[in-house]
Amino acid sequence: MNSSQIYILIAIIVLAIIAAVIFFLKKDQPAKKLSRLAALAFAFVLAGIIFSENRLVGYGLMGVGVILAIVDAVKKSKKIKNTMPNTTIKHLLVSSLDGQIQKLTIAAGPVIMREVGGIKEVLLDKHEDVFWKFPGGSLQDDNTFRQNAIREVGEELNIKVELDERAPYILTFVREGEVFVLVHYLAWIVEGEPSAGRDVTEFGWFDIKNLPADCGPNIKPAVEALK
């Protein structure tokens, strides 16, 4: 195989790679015209073939085509990621096996912990009710569980938190015919000091081994699971 044949083979391989990248990126999407960047990539590779007599120019043009194809692939992958639907579940009506219709409420909030002098503490707050609770609330707008947890604690206690990457602790129960699903993430404060915000009447740090008697039924099992 002479040098010209090798050059043509390389050009064909380059074109095949570019075509494969574009195909796999577009196979699950509606048919669209070739992007300008992809078309430009093909043009540079074809120009490299046309000017094959000058190896330096030919390889240079093909190299530019490959780079443009990679840039186009990266841009497409980011666009696909950013346009994926943000699926959230809010308040639904669900049916049990016996045909009864019940309301389903899903709420999310952080379990904020710290360690002081070797003692682990959890941050709880109270609203106009009888229980100490985690900050949190029902999903709103198009928030995901994690977004909702961060937003709620900002509104209730004027702080910014970071959520642990581990899976959340999920607790379900039925009260007065309504099904509740509570989603809790381990979290810690990254900005600000707690202060009473929206609808909060009291707040405080509590030793996880000595939680108040009047805390919500989800507090102890969530702390135990996430500590």
Protein backbone atom coordinates (compact mmCIF):
# COMPACT_ATOMS: atom_id res chain seq x y z
CA MET A 1 0.00 0.00 0.00
CA ASN A 2 1.55 3.30 -1.13
CA SER A 3 1.39 6.63 0.72
CA SER A 4 -1.57 7.92 -1.33
CA GLN A 5 -3.65 4.87 -0.48
CA ILE A 6 -2.74 5.22 3.20
CA TYR A 7 -3.74 8.88 3.12
CA ILE A 8 -7.12 8.07 1.53
CA LEU A 9 -7.70 5.29 4.08
CA ILE A 10 -7.02 7.72 6.93
CA ALA A 11 -9.43 10.23 5.39
CA ILE A 12 -12.16 7.60 5.11
CA ILE A 13 -11.64 6.56 8.75
CA VAL A 14 -11.87 10.20 9.87
CA LEU A 15 -15.12 10.71 7.94
CA ALA A 16 -16.53 7.47 9.36
CA ILE A 17 -15.72 8.56 12.93
CA ILE A 18 -17.38 11.95 12.44
CA ALA A 19 -20.44 10.31 10.89
CA ALA A 20 -20.67 7.78 13.75
CA VAL A 21 -20.48 10.51 16.41
CA ILE A 22 -23.24 12.51 14.73
CA PHE A 23 -25.39 9.39 14.25
CA PHE A 24 -25.22 8.26 17.88
CA LEU A 25 -25.94 11.75 19.17
CA LYS A 26 -28.99 12.14 16.94
CA LYS A 27 -30.43 8.63 16.90
CA ASP A 28 -32.90 9.28 19.75
CA GLN A 29 -33.87 12.74 18.55
CA PRO A 30 -36.24 13.94 15.82
CA ALA A 31 -34.60 14.27 12.42
CA LYS A 32 -32.90 17.65 12.03
CA LYS A 33 -30.62 19.28 9.52
CA LEU A 34 -26.90 18.88 9.97
CA SER A 35 -25.55 21.61 12.26
CA ARG A 36 -23.34 24.27 10.73
CA LEU A 37 -20.42 23.11 12.82
CA ALA A 38 -20.81 19.48 11.68
CA ALA A 39 -21.13 20.58 8.05
CA LEU A 40 -17.98 22.66 8.44
CA ALA A 41 -16.17 19.66 9.90
CA PHE A 42 -17.09 17.55 6.87
CA ALA A 43 -16.00 20.38 4.57
CA PHE A 44 -12.56 20.56 6.16
CA VAL A 45 -12.07 16.80 5.93
CA LEU A 46 -13.13 16.81 2.25
CA ALA A 47 -10.79 19.72 1.62
CA GLY A 48 -8.02 17.68 3.22
CA ILE A 49 -8.72 14.89 0.72
CA ILE A 50 -8.79 17.33 -2.19
CA PHE A 51 -5.44 18.83 -1.20
CA SER A 52 -3.91 15.44 -0.52
CA GLU A 53 -0.91 16.13 -2.75
CA ASN A 54 0.41 18.42 -0.02
CA ARG A 55 0.52 16.12 3.00
CA LEU A 56 1.03 18.94 5.50
CA VAL A 57 -1.96 20.93 4.23
CA GLY A 58 -4.11 17.81 3.84
CA TYR A 59 -3.51 16.46 7.33
CA GLY A 60 -3.90 19.96 8.77
CA LEU A 61 -7.33 20.39 7.17
CA MET A 62 -8.49 16.97 8.32
CA GLY A 63 -7.23 17.73 11.84
CA VAL A 64 -9.30 20.90 11.92
CA GLY A 65 -12.31 18.89 10.73
CA VAL A 66 -11.88 16.38 13.55
CA ILE A 67 -11.59 19.16 16.14
CA LEU A 68 -14.75 20.86 14.83
CA ALA A 69 -16.61 17.53 14.95
CA ILE A 70 -15.57 17.00 18.58
CA VAL A 71 -16.67 20.53 19.53
CA ASP A 72 -20.02 19.92 17.81
CA ALA A 73 -20.46 16.62 19.67
CA VAL A 74 -19.74 18.24 23.04
CA LYS A 75 -22.18 21.09 22.36
CA LYS A 76 -24.90 18.64 21.34
CA SER A 77 -24.38 16.46 24.43
CA LYS A 78 -24.65 19.50 26.73
CA LYS A 79 -27.79 20.65 24.95
CA ILE A 80 -29.39 17.22 25.34
CA LYS A 81 -28.52 17.15 29.04
CA ASN A 82 -29.89 20.65 29.67
CA THR A 83 -33.15 20.01 27.86
CA MET A 84 -34.03 16.75 29.57
CA PRO A 85 -37.36 17.02 31.37
CA ASN A 86 -37.23 17.74 35.11
CA THR A 87 -39.74 15.21 36.39
CA THR A 88 -41.27 16.01 39.76
CA ILE A 89 -44.20 14.56 41.66
CA LYS A 90 -46.43 16.93 43.59
CA HIS A 91 -49.94 16.39 44.91
CA LEU A 92 -51.70 13.49 43.26
CA LEU A 93 -54.84 11.47 43.70
CA VAL A 94 -54.01 7.79 44.07
CA SER A 95 -56.24 4.77 44.11
CA SER A 96 -55.77 1.79 46.44
CA LEU A 97 -56.56 -1.77 45.44
CA ASP A 98 -60.02 -1.49 46.95
CA GLY A 99 -60.79 1.46 44.68
CA GLN A 100 -60.64 4.20 47.31
CA ILE A 101 -59.24 7.52 46.13
CA GLN A 102 -56.72 9.20 48.44
CA LYS A 103 -54.70 12.40 48.26
CA LEU A 104 -50.94 11.96 47.97
CA THR A 105 -48.64 14.68 49.33
CA ILE A 106 -44.88 14.55 48.80
CA ALA A 107 -42.54 16.79 50.79
CA ALA A 108 -38.76 17.10 50.91
CA GLY A 109 -36.38 18.65 53.42
CA PRO A 110 -32.85 18.43 54.81
CA VAL A 111 -31.70 16.75 58.01
CA ILE A 112 -29.07 19.32 59.04
CA MET A 113 -26.42 18.00 61.41
CA ARG A 114 -23.25 19.25 63.06
CA GLU A 115 -20.79 17.97 65.66
CA VAL A 116 -19.89 20.10 68.70
CA GLY A 117 -17.47 18.75 71.29
CA GLY A 118 -17.97 15.21 70.03
CA ILE A 119 -21.76 15.48 70.28
CA LYS A 120 -23.83 15.21 67.12
CA GLU A 121 -26.68 17.69 66.89
CA VAL A 122 -29.60 18.15 64.52
CA LEU A 123 -31.32 21.42 63.62
CA LEU A 124 -35.11 21.47 64.12
CA ASP A 125 -37.74 24.18 63.96
CA LYS A 126 -41.32 24.75 65.05
CA HIS A 127 -44.22 26.39 63.28
CA GLU A 128 -47.64 27.10 64.75
CA ASP A 129 -48.14 23.49 65.76
CA VAL A 130 -47.12 21.11 68.52
CA PHE A 131 -44.16 19.32 66.89
CA TRP A 132 -40.50 20.03 66.31
CA LYS A 133 -39.79 19.33 62.64
CA PHE A 134 -37.10 19.33 60.01
CA PRO A 135 -37.25 22.38 57.74
CA GLY A 136 -38.98 21.40 54.52
CA GLY A 137 -42.29 21.32 52.74
CA SER A 138 -44.35 20.15 49.80
CA LEU A 139 -42.84 20.30 46.35
CA GLN A 140 -43.47 23.54 44.51
CA ASP A 141 -43.25 24.67 40.91
CA ASP A 142 -40.81 22.43 39.02
CA ASN A 143 -38.46 21.77 41.94
CA THR A 144 -36.79 18.40 42.25
CA PHE A 145 -36.60 16.83 45.72
CA ARG A 146 -33.10 18.23 46.25
CA GLN A 147 -33.97 21.70 44.98
CA ASN A 148 -37.05 21.76 47.18
CA ALA A 149 -35.05 20.81 50.29
CA ILE A 150 -32.51 23.59 49.68
CA ARG A 151 -35.19 26.20 48.90
CA GLU A 152 -37.31 25.37 51.95
CA VAL A 153 -34.49 25.66 54.48
CA GLY A 154 -33.49 28.98 52.94
CA GLU A 155 -37.01 30.31 53.40
CA GLU A 156 -37.49 28.92 56.91
CA LEU A 157 -34.08 29.47 58.53
CA ASN A 158 -32.24 31.90 56.21
CA ILE A 159 -29.31 29.58 55.59
CA LYS A 160 -27.77 27.79 52.63
CA VAL A 161 -27.07 24.08 52.92
CA GLU A 162 -25.29 21.40 50.94
CA LEU A 163 -26.91 18.00 50.59
CA ASP A 164 -25.06 14.72 50.93
CA GLU A 165 -24.84 12.65 47.76
CA ARG A 166 -26.14 9.49 49.39
CA ALA A 167 -29.70 8.33 48.73
CA PRO A 168 -32.36 10.10 50.82
CA TYR A 169 -34.28 8.54 53.69
CA ILE A 170 -37.92 8.19 52.64
CA LEU A 171 -40.77 7.76 55.11
CA THR A 172 -44.40 7.12 54.21
CA PHE A 173 -47.53 7.17 56.36
CA VAL A 174 -51.28 7.70 56.13
CA ARG A 175 -53.13 10.29 58.18
CA GLU A 176 -56.86 11.02 57.97
CA GLY A 177 -57.07 9.33 54.59
CA GLU A 178 -54.14 11.27 53.11
CA VAL A 179 -50.94 9.53 52.02
CA PHE A 180 -47.70 11.35 52.89
CA VAL A 181 -44.24 10.69 51.43
CA LEU A 182 -41.40 12.51 53.22
CA VAL A 183 -37.99 12.68 51.51
CA HIS A 184 -35.05 13.59 53.78
CA TYR A 185 -31.44 14.36 52.81
CA LEU A 186 -28.49 14.57 55.19
CA ALA A 187 -27.18 18.16 55.00
CA TRP A 188 -24.84 20.70 56.58
CA ILE A 189 -24.75 24.49 56.62
CA VAL A 190 -22.38 26.14 54.13
CA GLU A 191 -23.52 29.75 54.46
CA GLY A 192 -25.25 31.86 57.10
CA GLU A 193 -26.47 31.36 60.67
CA PRO A 194 -29.95 30.01 61.43
CA SER A 195 -32.59 32.62 62.16
CA ALA A 196 -36.38 32.48 62.19
CA GLY A 197 -37.78 32.91 58.71
CA ARG A 198 -41.11 32.15 57.10
CA ASP A 199 -43.70 30.89 59.64
CA VAL A 200 -41.00 29.70 62.08
CA THR A 201 -41.73 30.38 65.77
CA GLU A 202 -38.77 28.51 67.30
CA PHE A 203 -35.62 26.71 66.18
CA GLY A 204 -32.69 25.03 67.86
CA TRP A 205 -29.92 22.44 67.83
CA PHE A 206 -30.61 19.17 69.66
CA ASP A 207 -28.40 16.28 70.73
CA ILE A 208 -29.45 13.39 68.47
CA LYS A 209 -29.30 11.08 71.49
CA ASN A 210 -31.59 13.34 73.51
CA LEU A 211 -34.28 14.57 71.13
CA PRO A 212 -37.30 16.43 72.53
CA ALA A 213 -40.38 14.38 73.34
CA ASP A 214 -42.58 16.62 71.21
CA CYS A 215 -40.78 16.07 67.90
CA GLY A 216 -42.52 14.82 64.78
CA PRO A 217 -42.83 11.06 64.21
CA ASN A 218 -40.37 11.21 61.31
CA ILE A 219 -37.53 12.87 63.26
CA LYS A 220 -36.03 9.93 65.17
CA PRO A 221 -36.12 7.34 62.34
CA ALA A 222 -34.65 9.85 59.84
CA VAL A 223 -31.85 10.89 62.23
CA GLU A 224 -31.08 7.25 62.99
CA ALA A 225 -30.90 6.41 59.29
CA LEU A 226 -28.75 9.38 58.26
CA LYS A 227 -26.48 10.01 61.25
